[in-house]
């Protein structure tokens, strides 16, 4: 994204992102994760030295334990901060930036591959981050609830 002109627009001209849109579920280590994937057109991105517009996938999610209690829910979050940063149409793949939770815990990259019309393969690569009372004050929940794994299959609902 470094070669985008100031105020430019990175458009999904072939609608490659559309194949990922939908609601998907998977179970991992006793928790059920539901992904709500939407496509946003003309999303504004501002960086230190550049601002531009882009078409992107946005993920919101819920994670429930085996009793059905909600562990984490971003379904009604209004920020578009879990978004696609790269796509590979020839591989049916997309990479997304995940900002993490409290104090940025778990921030990293999620890679999705479309296996067939009803299934996605998930890989989550969190970055390591040292936290202490200085950079994460208070009694924050520092649990990463998203499935930290590779090749987890999500099924379209």
Foldseek 3Di string as FASTA:
>chain_A
DVPAPAAEEAEPVVCLVVLVAAWWWFDDPQKIKIKHKDWDFQCWDDDPVGIYTYIKIAIWMWIAGNVRHTPDGCPPPPDRQFIWDDADSVQQKTKTWDQCDQLSQFTDIWMWHDPDSFKIWIAGDGDDDDDDCVSHNDDDDRDDRPDHHGRGMITGD
